[in-house]
Amino acid sequence: MFQLLIIGLFSVTLCGDLKTDPLPKKWHGTWVGQMKFFPGMPEAVKNSAASGKVAVQFEIEEITNSNALVWRMTIGSDSNRVVKDYKLVPTGKPNEFLIDENGIDLNAYHYGDIIYSQFSFEEMVLIARYELKEDQLLFEVTTGIPIGEKQLDGKIQTWKISAVQSVLMKRRTLDRREGE
């Protein structure tokens, strides 16, 4: 009983700031940085990154006559550029959004200054995390693959962290855009 009480109090503490508002404007803008890959860079991006890093631009902006936001990430530059043009759509439930990846909806949850999204693809689990730190935005994707046999009658599975993509982006100011 005591454990249930602690879990209940913990849940109330975590969820105390639930809101159904759209993503606050402090998230909006254009963010730029260099993505790092751990333990190594995927083959698909090696050609565009001689330094072991890849340029990233992330845009969050309002869509006219919509409650959705532009959620666009451009990875790489020039001919090796990949544009992921998605939308962030509030679900109407507290702190819950959908990242609309052109017909594939991924749930995302906004708590404090962090947005979390977790999904699986084939045998992998991916966890995406966006953390706003004043005029910086940290974006990380962790990829895990199952290892070893399931334990405790199949209830527990150990996962190996097979890759991490990480970029600390800075807000691009209007002055910098005009000078380019």
N, C-alpha and C. Protein backbone atom coordinates (compact mmCIF):
# COMPACT_ATOMS: atom_id res chain seq x y z
N MET A 1 0.82 -1.19 0.00
CA MET A 1 0.00 0.00 0.00
C MET A 1 0.86 1.25 0.00
N PHE A 2 1.93 1.24 0.80
CA PHE A 2 2.83 2.38 0.88
C PHE A 2 3.45 2.66 -0.49
N GLN A 3 3.82 1.58 -1.23
CA GLN A 3 4.41 1.75 -2.56
C GLN A 3 3.42 2.42 -3.51
N LEU A 4 2.15 2.04 -3.44
CA LEU A 4 1.14 2.66 -4.30
C LEU A 4 0.99 4.14 -3.98
N LEU A 5 1.04 4.50 -2.70
CA LEU A 5 0.94 5.89 -2.30
C LEU A 5 2.11 6.69 -2.87
N ILE A 6 3.32 6.15 -2.76
CA ILE A 6 4.49 6.84 -3.30
C ILE A 6 4.37 6.99 -4.81
N ILE A 7 3.96 5.95 -5.50
CA ILE A 7 3.79 6.02 -6.95
C ILE A 7 2.74 7.07 -7.30
N GLY A 8 1.64 7.10 -6.55
CA GLY A 8 0.59 8.09 -6.79
C GLY A 8 1.09 9.51 -6.60
N LEU A 9 1.83 9.75 -5.52
CA LEU A 9 2.38 11.08 -5.27
C LEU A 9 3.39 11.46 -6.34
N PHE A 10 4.21 10.52 -6.76
CA PHE A 10 5.19 10.76 -7.81
C PHE A 10 4.48 11.13 -9.11
N SER A 11 3.40 10.43 -9.45
CA SER A 11 2.64 10.71 -10.66
C SER A 11 2.01 12.10 -10.60
N VAL A 12 1.46 12.48 -9.46
CA VAL A 12 0.86 13.81 -9.32
C VAL A 12 1.94 14.88 -9.46
N THR A 13 3.11 14.64 -8.88
CA THR A 13 4.19 15.60 -8.98
C THR A 13 4.65 15.76 -10.42
N LEU A 14 4.82 14.66 -11.14
CA LEU A 14 5.26 14.72 -12.52
C LEU A 14 4.22 15.38 -13.42
N CYS A 15 2.98 15.10 -13.19
CA CYS A 15 1.92 15.56 -14.08
C CYS A 15 1.24 16.82 -13.59
N GLY A 16 1.78 17.46 -12.59
CA GLY A 16 1.14 18.62 -12.01
C GLY A 16 0.98 19.79 -12.97
N ASP A 17 1.85 19.90 -14.00
CA ASP A 17 1.75 21.03 -14.90
C ASP A 17 1.18 20.63 -16.26
N LEU A 18 0.29 19.65 -16.26
CA LEU A 18 -0.33 19.22 -17.51
C LEU A 18 -1.09 20.38 -18.13
N LYS A 19 -1.00 20.50 -19.45
CA LYS A 19 -1.70 21.57 -20.13
C LYS A 19 -2.11 21.11 -21.52
N THR A 20 -3.16 21.70 -22.03
CA THR A 20 -3.62 21.35 -23.38
C THR A 20 -3.30 22.46 -24.36
N ASP A 21 -2.56 23.48 -23.92
CA ASP A 21 -2.20 24.58 -24.80
C ASP A 21 -1.28 24.10 -25.90
N PRO A 22 -1.23 24.86 -27.00
CA PRO A 22 -0.24 24.52 -28.02
C PRO A 22 1.17 24.72 -27.46
N LEU A 23 2.14 24.28 -28.20
CA LEU A 23 3.53 24.41 -27.77
C LEU A 23 3.86 25.89 -27.56
N PRO A 24 4.42 26.25 -26.41
CA PRO A 24 4.70 27.67 -26.14
C PRO A 24 5.59 28.30 -27.21
N LYS A 25 5.39 29.59 -27.41
CA LYS A 25 6.12 30.32 -28.46
C LYS A 25 7.63 30.32 -28.24
N LYS A 26 8.07 30.12 -27.00
CA LYS A 26 9.52 30.11 -26.76
C LYS A 26 10.22 28.98 -27.52
N TRP A 27 9.47 27.99 -27.98
CA TRP A 27 10.03 26.91 -28.79
C TRP A 27 10.14 27.31 -30.26
N HIS A 28 9.33 28.27 -30.70
CA HIS A 28 9.26 28.62 -32.11
C HIS A 28 10.55 29.28 -32.57
N GLY A 29 10.90 29.05 -33.83
CA GLY A 29 12.07 29.68 -34.40
C GLY A 29 12.84 28.71 -35.28
N THR A 30 14.00 29.18 -35.70
CA THR A 30 14.91 28.36 -36.50
C THR A 30 16.14 28.08 -35.64
N TRP A 31 16.49 26.83 -35.55
CA TRP A 31 17.57 26.36 -34.70
C TRP A 31 18.65 25.74 -35.59
N VAL A 32 19.93 25.99 -35.31
CA VAL A 32 21.02 25.44 -36.13
C VAL A 32 22.11 24.86 -35.23
N GLY A 33 22.75 23.80 -35.74
CA GLY A 33 23.83 23.16 -35.01
C GLY A 33 24.49 22.08 -35.84
N GLN A 34 25.38 21.35 -35.21
CA GLN A 34 26.12 20.25 -35.84
C GLN A 34 25.79 18.95 -35.13
N MET A 35 25.24 17.98 -35.86
CA MET A 35 24.87 16.70 -35.26
C MET A 35 26.10 15.80 -35.15
N LYS A 36 26.21 15.15 -33.99
CA LYS A 36 27.26 14.17 -33.74
C LYS A 36 26.61 12.80 -33.69
N PHE A 37 27.38 11.79 -34.05
CA PHE A 37 26.88 10.42 -34.07
C PHE A 37 27.78 9.56 -33.19
N PHE A 38 27.17 8.77 -32.33
CA PHE A 38 27.91 7.85 -31.46
C PHE A 38 27.32 6.46 -31.64
N PRO A 39 28.02 5.39 -31.76
CA PRO A 39 29.47 5.31 -31.75
C PRO A 39 30.10 5.74 -33.07
N GLY A 40 29.37 5.76 -34.15
CA GLY A 40 29.94 6.19 -35.42
C GLY A 40 28.84 6.70 -36.32
N MET A 41 29.24 7.28 -37.41
CA MET A 41 28.30 7.88 -38.34
C MET A 41 27.72 6.85 -39.29
N PRO A 42 26.42 6.87 -39.52
CA PRO A 42 25.81 5.95 -40.48
C PRO A 42 26.34 6.20 -41.89
N GLU A 43 26.41 5.16 -42.68
CA GLU A 43 26.91 5.26 -44.06
C GLU A 43 26.15 6.31 -44.86
N ALA A 44 24.86 6.44 -44.61
CA ALA A 44 24.02 7.35 -45.39
C ALA A 44 24.45 8.81 -45.28
N VAL A 45 25.16 9.19 -44.20
CA VAL A 45 25.55 10.58 -44.05
C VAL A 45 27.05 10.81 -44.07
N LYS A 46 27.85 9.75 -44.21
CA LYS A 46 29.30 9.91 -44.18
C LYS A 46 29.82 10.84 -45.27
N ASN A 47 29.25 10.78 -46.46
CA ASN A 47 29.74 11.60 -47.56
C ASN A 47 29.57 13.09 -47.34
N SER A 48 28.60 13.47 -46.53
CA SER A 48 28.34 14.90 -46.33
C SER A 48 29.02 15.44 -45.08
N ALA A 49 29.85 14.65 -44.42
CA ALA A 49 30.42 15.09 -43.16
C ALA A 49 31.87 14.66 -43.01
N ALA A 50 32.75 15.46 -43.57
CA ALA A 50 34.17 15.15 -43.45
C ALA A 50 34.65 15.26 -42.01
N SER A 51 34.01 16.09 -41.20
CA SER A 51 34.45 16.34 -39.82
C SER A 51 33.83 15.37 -38.81
N GLY A 52 32.97 14.47 -39.26
CA GLY A 52 32.28 13.59 -38.33
C GLY A 52 31.03 14.23 -37.75
N LYS A 53 30.68 15.40 -38.25
CA LYS A 53 29.48 16.11 -37.83
C LYS A 53 28.69 16.50 -39.07
N VAL A 54 27.39 16.68 -38.89
CA VAL A 54 26.53 17.06 -40.00
C VAL A 54 25.72 18.30 -39.60
N ALA A 55 25.64 19.26 -40.51
CA ALA A 55 24.85 20.47 -40.25
C ALA A 55 23.38 20.11 -40.12
N VAL A 56 22.72 20.76 -39.15
CA VAL A 56 21.29 20.55 -38.92
C VAL A 56 20.61 21.91 -38.77
N GLN A 57 19.45 22.03 -39.40
CA GLN A 57 18.59 23.20 -39.19
C GLN A 57 17.21 22.66 -38.84
N PHE A 58 16.64 23.18 -37.77
CA PHE A 58 15.35 22.71 -37.28
C PHE A 58 14.42 23.91 -37.17
N GLU A 59 13.26 23.83 -37.81
CA GLU A 59 12.33 24.95 -37.83
C GLU A 59 11.02 24.56 -37.14
N ILE A 60 10.58 25.43 -36.24
CA ILE A 60 9.29 25.28 -35.57
C ILE A 60 8.55 26.59 -35.78
N GLU A 61 7.43 26.53 -36.49
CA GLU A 61 6.69 27.76 -36.76
C GLU A 61 5.21 27.45 -36.96
N GLU A 62 4.40 28.47 -36.79
CA GLU A 62 2.96 28.32 -36.94
C GLU A 62 2.59 28.06 -38.39
N ILE A 63 1.50 27.32 -38.57
CA ILE A 63 0.91 27.11 -39.89
C ILE A 63 -0.38 27.94 -39.91
N THR A 64 -0.52 28.78 -40.90
CA THR A 64 -1.70 29.65 -41.00
C THR A 64 -2.98 28.83 -40.99
N ASN A 65 -3.96 29.30 -40.22
CA ASN A 65 -5.28 28.67 -40.11
C ASN A 65 -5.22 27.21 -39.65
N SER A 66 -4.28 26.90 -38.76
CA SER A 66 -4.13 25.54 -38.26
C SER A 66 -3.63 25.59 -36.82
N ASN A 67 -3.95 24.57 -36.05
CA ASN A 67 -3.38 24.48 -34.70
C ASN A 67 -2.07 23.69 -34.73
N ALA A 68 -1.70 23.18 -35.89
CA ALA A 68 -0.44 22.43 -36.04
C ALA A 68 0.72 23.40 -36.25
N LEU A 69 1.91 22.90 -36.02
CA LEU A 69 3.13 23.66 -36.24
C LEU A 69 3.99 22.97 -37.30
N VAL A 70 4.74 23.77 -38.05
CA VAL A 70 5.79 23.21 -38.90
C VAL A 70 6.82 22.59 -37.96
N TRP A 71 7.28 21.39 -38.28
CA TRP A 71 8.25 20.65 -37.47
C TRP A 71 9.25 20.08 -38.48
N ARG A 72 10.12 20.95 -39.01
CA ARG A 72 10.97 20.60 -40.16
C ARG A 72 12.44 20.54 -39.76
N MET A 73 13.07 19.42 -40.08
CA MET A 73 14.50 19.27 -39.82
C MET A 73 15.21 19.04 -41.14
N THR A 74 16.24 19.87 -41.38
CA THR A 74 17.08 19.72 -42.56
C THR A 74 18.44 19.24 -42.08
N ILE A 75 18.87 18.10 -42.62
CA ILE A 75 20.12 17.48 -42.20
C ILE A 75 21.06 17.47 -43.39
N GLY A 76 22.29 17.94 -43.17
CA GLY A 76 23.27 18.00 -44.26
C GLY A 76 23.15 19.32 -45.00
N SER A 77 23.91 19.42 -46.07
CA SER A 77 23.90 20.65 -46.85
C SER A 77 24.11 20.31 -48.32
N ASP A 78 23.83 21.27 -49.16
CA ASP A 78 24.02 21.15 -50.60
C ASP A 78 23.32 19.92 -51.17
N SER A 79 24.04 19.13 -51.95
CA SER A 79 23.41 17.99 -52.63
C SER A 79 23.13 16.81 -51.71
N ASN A 80 23.74 16.78 -50.54
CA ASN A 80 23.53 15.68 -49.58
C ASN A 80 22.49 16.04 -48.52
N ARG A 81 21.66 17.02 -48.80
CA ARG A 81 20.68 17.50 -47.83
C ARG A 81 19.45 16.61 -47.81
N VAL A 82 18.97 16.30 -46.59
CA VAL A 82 17.72 15.57 -46.39
C VAL A 82 16.79 16.47 -45.60
N VAL A 83 15.57 16.69 -46.12
CA VAL A 83 14.59 17.52 -45.43
C VAL A 83 13.49 16.62 -44.90
N LYS A 84 13.27 16.68 -43.60
CA LYS A 84 12.19 15.94 -42.94
C LYS A 84 11.12 16.97 -42.59
N ASP A 85 10.12 17.10 -43.45
CA ASP A 85 9.11 18.14 -43.35
C ASP A 85 7.86 17.57 -42.68
N TYR A 86 7.79 17.72 -41.35
CA TYR A 86 6.72 17.14 -40.57
C TYR A 86 5.86 18.23 -39.95
N LYS A 87 4.85 17.81 -39.20
CA LYS A 87 4.00 18.72 -38.45
C LYS A 87 3.92 18.24 -37.01
N LEU A 88 3.80 19.18 -36.09
CA LEU A 88 3.54 18.88 -34.68
C LEU A 88 2.09 19.28 -34.43
N VAL A 89 1.26 18.31 -34.06
CA VAL A 89 -0.18 18.53 -33.96
C VAL A 89 -0.64 18.24 -32.53
N PRO A 90 -1.25 19.24 -31.84
CA PRO A 90 -1.80 18.96 -30.52
C PRO A 90 -2.96 17.98 -30.63
N THR A 91 -3.06 17.05 -29.68
CA THR A 91 -4.14 16.06 -29.71
C THR A 91 -5.38 16.53 -28.96
N GLY A 92 -5.25 17.59 -28.15
CA GLY A 92 -6.35 18.02 -27.30
C GLY A 92 -6.25 17.42 -25.91
N LYS A 93 -5.36 16.45 -25.74
CA LYS A 93 -5.11 15.85 -24.42
C LYS A 93 -3.95 16.61 -23.78
N PRO A 94 -3.94 16.67 -22.45
CA PRO A 94 -2.87 17.41 -21.77
C PRO A 94 -1.48 16.92 -22.18
N ASN A 95 -0.65 17.85 -22.60
CA ASN A 95 0.77 17.63 -22.89
C ASN A 95 1.03 16.65 -24.03
N GLU A 96 0.04 16.31 -24.81
CA GLU A 96 0.22 15.29 -25.86
C GLU A 96 0.14 15.91 -27.25
N PHE A 97 1.06 15.50 -28.10
CA PHE A 97 1.11 15.93 -29.49
C PHE A 97 1.29 14.70 -30.37
N LEU A 98 1.04 14.89 -31.65
CA LEU A 98 1.43 13.91 -32.66
C LEU A 98 2.45 14.58 -33.56
N ILE A 99 3.52 13.86 -33.85
CA ILE A 99 4.44 14.30 -34.89
C ILE A 99 3.98 13.59 -36.14
N ASP A 100 3.41 14.35 -37.07
CA ASP A 100 2.88 13.81 -38.32
C ASP A 100 4.02 13.73 -39.31
N GLU A 101 4.52 12.52 -39.51
CA GLU A 101 5.62 12.28 -40.44
C GLU A 101 5.03 11.82 -41.78
N ASN A 102 4.28 12.71 -42.41
CA ASN A 102 3.69 12.44 -43.72
C ASN A 102 2.86 11.16 -43.70
N GLY A 103 1.93 11.10 -42.74
CA GLY A 103 1.02 9.96 -42.66
C GLY A 103 1.35 8.98 -41.56
N ILE A 104 2.53 9.04 -41.00
CA ILE A 104 2.90 8.21 -39.86
C ILE A 104 2.85 9.12 -38.63
N ASP A 105 1.99 8.78 -37.68
CA ASP A 105 1.82 9.60 -36.48
C ASP A 105 2.60 9.00 -35.32
N LEU A 106 3.50 9.79 -34.77
CA LEU A 106 4.27 9.39 -33.60
C LEU A 106 3.81 10.24 -32.42
N ASN A 107 3.47 9.61 -31.32
CA ASN A 107 3.07 10.35 -30.13
C ASN A 107 4.28 11.07 -29.54
N ALA A 108 4.04 12.25 -29.02
CA ALA A 108 5.07 13.04 -28.35
C ALA A 108 4.45 13.66 -27.11
N TYR A 109 5.24 13.79 -26.06
CA TYR A 109 4.74 14.26 -24.77
C TYR A 109 5.61 15.40 -24.28
N HIS A 110 4.96 16.51 -23.92
CA HIS A 110 5.65 17.73 -23.51
C HIS A 110 5.52 17.91 -22.00
N TYR A 111 6.65 17.83 -21.30
CA TYR A 111 6.69 18.02 -19.85
C TYR A 111 7.77 19.05 -19.54
N GLY A 112 7.38 20.16 -18.94
CA GLY A 112 8.36 21.21 -18.64
C GLY A 112 8.94 21.74 -19.93
N ASP A 113 10.24 21.68 -20.06
CA ASP A 113 10.92 22.14 -21.27
C ASP A 113 11.48 20.98 -22.09
N ILE A 114 10.83 19.81 -21.98
CA ILE A 114 11.29 18.63 -22.71
C ILE A 114 10.12 17.99 -23.44
N ILE A 115 10.38 17.55 -24.66
CA ILE A 115 9.42 16.77 -25.44
C ILE A 115 10.04 15.40 -25.66
N TYR A 116 9.25 14.35 -25.36
CA TYR A 116 9.70 12.97 -25.52
C TYR A 116 8.85 12.27 -26.56
N SER A 117 9.48 11.40 -27.33
CA SER A 117 8.75 10.53 -28.25
C SER A 117 9.49 9.20 -28.31
N GLN A 118 8.74 8.12 -28.25
CA GLN A 118 9.34 6.79 -28.29
C GLN A 118 8.53 5.93 -29.25
N PHE A 119 9.24 5.19 -30.10
CA PHE A 119 8.57 4.32 -31.06
C PHE A 119 9.50 3.19 -31.44
N SER A 120 8.94 2.19 -32.09
CA SER A 120 9.78 1.07 -32.55
C SER A 120 9.75 1.02 -34.07
N PHE A 121 10.82 0.51 -34.62
CA PHE A 121 10.93 0.27 -36.05
C PHE A 121 11.64 -1.07 -36.20
N GLU A 122 10.92 -2.03 -36.77
CA GLU A 122 11.42 -3.40 -36.88
C GLU A 122 11.85 -3.87 -35.50
N GLU A 123 13.10 -4.23 -35.29
CA GLU A 123 13.57 -4.75 -34.00
C GLU A 123 14.20 -3.67 -33.13
N MET A 124 14.08 -2.41 -33.52
CA MET A 124 14.73 -1.33 -32.78
C MET A 124 13.70 -0.49 -32.03
N VAL A 125 14.13 0.07 -30.91
CA VAL A 125 13.34 1.07 -30.19
C VAL A 125 14.11 2.38 -30.30
N LEU A 126 13.41 3.44 -30.68
CA LEU A 126 14.03 4.75 -30.79
C LEU A 126 13.37 5.70 -29.80
N ILE A 127 14.19 6.47 -29.11
CA ILE A 127 13.69 7.46 -28.16
C ILE A 127 14.23 8.81 -28.61
N ALA A 128 13.31 9.71 -28.94
CA ALA A 128 13.69 11.07 -29.34
C ALA A 128 13.40 12.00 -28.18
N ARG A 129 14.30 12.94 -27.99
CA ARG A 129 14.17 13.88 -26.87
C ARG A 129 14.58 15.26 -27.35
N TYR A 130 13.71 16.24 -27.11
CA TYR A 130 13.98 17.64 -27.44
C TYR A 130 13.96 18.40 -26.12
N GLU A 131 15.04 19.09 -25.79
CA GLU A 131 15.08 19.84 -24.54
C GLU A 131 15.45 21.30 -24.81
N LEU A 132 14.56 22.20 -24.41
CA LEU A 132 14.77 23.63 -24.58
C LEU A 132 15.53 24.17 -23.39
N LYS A 133 16.66 24.82 -23.67
CA LYS A 133 17.50 25.43 -22.63
C LYS A 133 17.76 26.87 -23.02
N GLU A 134 16.83 27.77 -22.66
CA GLU A 134 16.89 29.18 -23.04
C GLU A 134 16.97 29.31 -24.56
N ASP A 135 18.10 29.78 -25.10
CA ASP A 135 18.22 29.91 -26.56
C ASP A 135 19.01 28.75 -27.17
N GLN A 136 18.92 27.59 -26.55
CA GLN A 136 19.52 26.38 -27.11
C GLN A 136 18.48 25.27 -27.08
N LEU A 137 18.55 24.41 -28.06
CA LEU A 137 17.64 23.27 -28.15
C LEU A 137 18.49 22.01 -28.37
N LEU A 138 18.42 21.10 -27.41
CA LEU A 138 19.14 19.83 -27.52
C LEU A 138 18.19 18.79 -28.11
N PHE A 139 18.62 18.15 -29.17
CA PHE A 139 17.85 17.08 -29.81
C PHE A 139 18.71 15.83 -29.80
N GLU A 140 18.16 14.75 -29.27
CA GLU A 140 18.88 13.47 -29.25
C GLU A 140 17.93 12.35 -29.65
N VAL A 141 18.47 11.41 -30.40
CA VAL A 141 17.76 10.17 -30.70
C VAL A 141 18.65 9.03 -30.26
N THR A 142 18.11 8.17 -29.41
CA THR A 142 18.82 6.99 -28.94
C THR A 142 18.15 5.77 -29.57
N THR A 143 18.96 4.89 -30.13
CA THR A 143 18.45 3.68 -30.77
C THR A 143 18.90 2.47 -29.96
N GLY A 144 17.95 1.59 -29.66
CA GLY A 144 18.27 0.39 -28.90
C GLY A 144 17.84 -0.86 -29.63
N ILE A 145 18.62 -1.91 -29.46
CA ILE A 145 18.29 -3.22 -30.04
C ILE A 145 18.30 -4.26 -28.93
N PRO A 146 17.41 -5.25 -29.01
CA PRO A 146 17.36 -6.26 -27.95
C PRO A 146 18.62 -7.13 -27.97
N ILE A 147 19.09 -7.46 -26.77
CA ILE A 147 20.22 -8.39 -26.66
C ILE A 147 19.89 -9.41 -25.59
N GLY A 148 20.46 -10.57 -25.74
CA GLY A 148 20.26 -11.62 -24.75
C GLY A 148 18.85 -12.18 -24.76
N GLU A 149 18.67 -13.15 -23.93
CA GLU A 149 17.37 -13.80 -23.79
C GLU A 149 16.48 -13.01 -22.85
N LYS A 150 15.19 -13.10 -23.07
CA LYS A 150 14.24 -12.48 -22.14
C LYS A 150 14.35 -13.20 -20.80
N GLN A 151 14.16 -12.44 -19.73
CA GLN A 151 14.28 -12.97 -18.38
C GLN A 151 12.96 -12.84 -17.64
N LEU A 152 12.89 -13.44 -16.48
CA LEU A 152 11.71 -13.39 -15.62
C LEU A 152 10.46 -13.80 -16.41
N ASP A 153 10.54 -14.99 -16.96
CA ASP A 153 9.44 -15.56 -17.74
C ASP A 153 9.03 -14.67 -18.91
N GLY A 154 10.03 -14.07 -19.58
CA GLY A 154 9.75 -13.27 -20.77
C GLY A 154 9.29 -11.85 -20.50
N LYS A 155 9.31 -11.42 -19.25
CA LYS A 155 8.82 -10.09 -18.91
C LYS A 155 9.87 -8.99 -19.00
N ILE A 156 11.15 -9.37 -18.97
CA ILE A 156 12.23 -8.38 -19.00
C ILE A 156 13.13 -8.64 -20.20
N GLN A 157 13.41 -7.58 -20.95
CA GLN A 157 14.31 -7.65 -22.10
C GLN A 157 15.38 -6.58 -21.93
N THR A 158 16.63 -6.97 -22.09
CA THR A 158 17.74 -6.03 -22.04
C THR A 158 17.95 -5.46 -23.44
N TRP A 159 18.27 -4.15 -23.51
CA TRP A 159 18.47 -3.48 -24.79
C TRP A 159 19.86 -2.86 -24.83
N LYS A 160 20.52 -3.02 -25.94
CA LYS A 160 21.82 -2.39 -26.17
C LYS A 160 21.58 -1.04 -26.83
N ILE A 161 22.23 -0.01 -26.33
CA ILE A 161 22.18 1.29 -27.01
C ILE A 161 23.13 1.17 -28.20
N SER A 162 22.56 1.09 -29.38
CA SER A 162 23.37 0.86 -30.58
C SER A 162 23.80 2.14 -31.26
N ALA A 163 23.08 3.24 -31.04
CA ALA A 163 23.46 4.50 -31.66
C ALA A 163 22.82 5.66 -30.92
N VAL A 164 23.52 6.79 -30.94
CA VAL A 164 22.99 8.04 -30.40
C VAL A 164 23.31 9.13 -31.41
N GLN A 165 22.30 9.91 -31.75
CA GLN A 165 22.49 11.10 -32.58
C GLN A 165 22.20 12.28 -31.67
N SER A 166 23.07 13.27 -31.66
CA SER A 166 22.91 14.37 -30.73
C SER A 166 23.31 15.68 -31.40
N VAL A 167 22.49 16.70 -31.19
CA VAL A 167 22.83 18.04 -31.69
C VAL A 167 22.34 19.08 -30.71
N LEU A 168 23.24 19.97 -30.31
CA LEU A 168 22.87 21.12 -29.49
C LEU A 168 22.78 22.31 -30.45
N MET A 169 21.55 22.80 -30.63
CA MET A 169 21.32 23.86 -31.61
C MET A 169 21.12 25.19 -30.90
N LYS A 170 21.50 26.24 -31.61
CA LYS A 170 21.28 27.60 -31.13
C LYS A 170 20.21 28.25 -31.99
N ARG A 171 19.46 29.13 -31.36
CA ARG A 171 18.43 29.85 -32.09
C ARG A 171 19.10 30.79 -33.09
N ARG A 172 18.64 30.71 -34.32
CA ARG A 172 19.16 31.62 -35.33
C ARG A 172 18.40 32.92 -35.20
N THR A 173 19.13 34.02 -35.12
CA THR A 173 18.48 35.32 -34.97
C THR A 173 18.17 35.90 -36.34
N LEU A 174 17.29 36.89 -36.38
CA LEU A 174 16.95 37.55 -37.64
C LEU A 174 18.15 38.18 -38.30
N ASP A 175 19.05 38.75 -37.49
CA ASP A 175 20.24 39.40 -38.03
C ASP A 175 21.10 38.42 -38.81
N ARG A 176 21.24 37.20 -38.29
CA ARG A 176 22.06 36.21 -38.98
C ARG A 176 21.41 35.78 -40.28
N ARG A 177 20.08 35.65 -40.30
CA ARG A 177 19.39 35.26 -41.54
C ARG A 177 19.57 36.30 -42.63
N GLU A 178 19.46 37.58 -42.27
CA GLU A 178 19.57 38.64 -43.26
C GLU A 178 20.97 38.70 -43.84
N GLY A 179 22.00 38.35 -43.06
CA GLY A 179 23.37 38.43 -43.54
C GLY A 179 23.79 37.29 -44.43
N GLU A 180 22.95 36.27 -44.56
CA GLU A 180 23.35 35.10 -45.36
C GLU A 180 22.99 35.28 -46.81
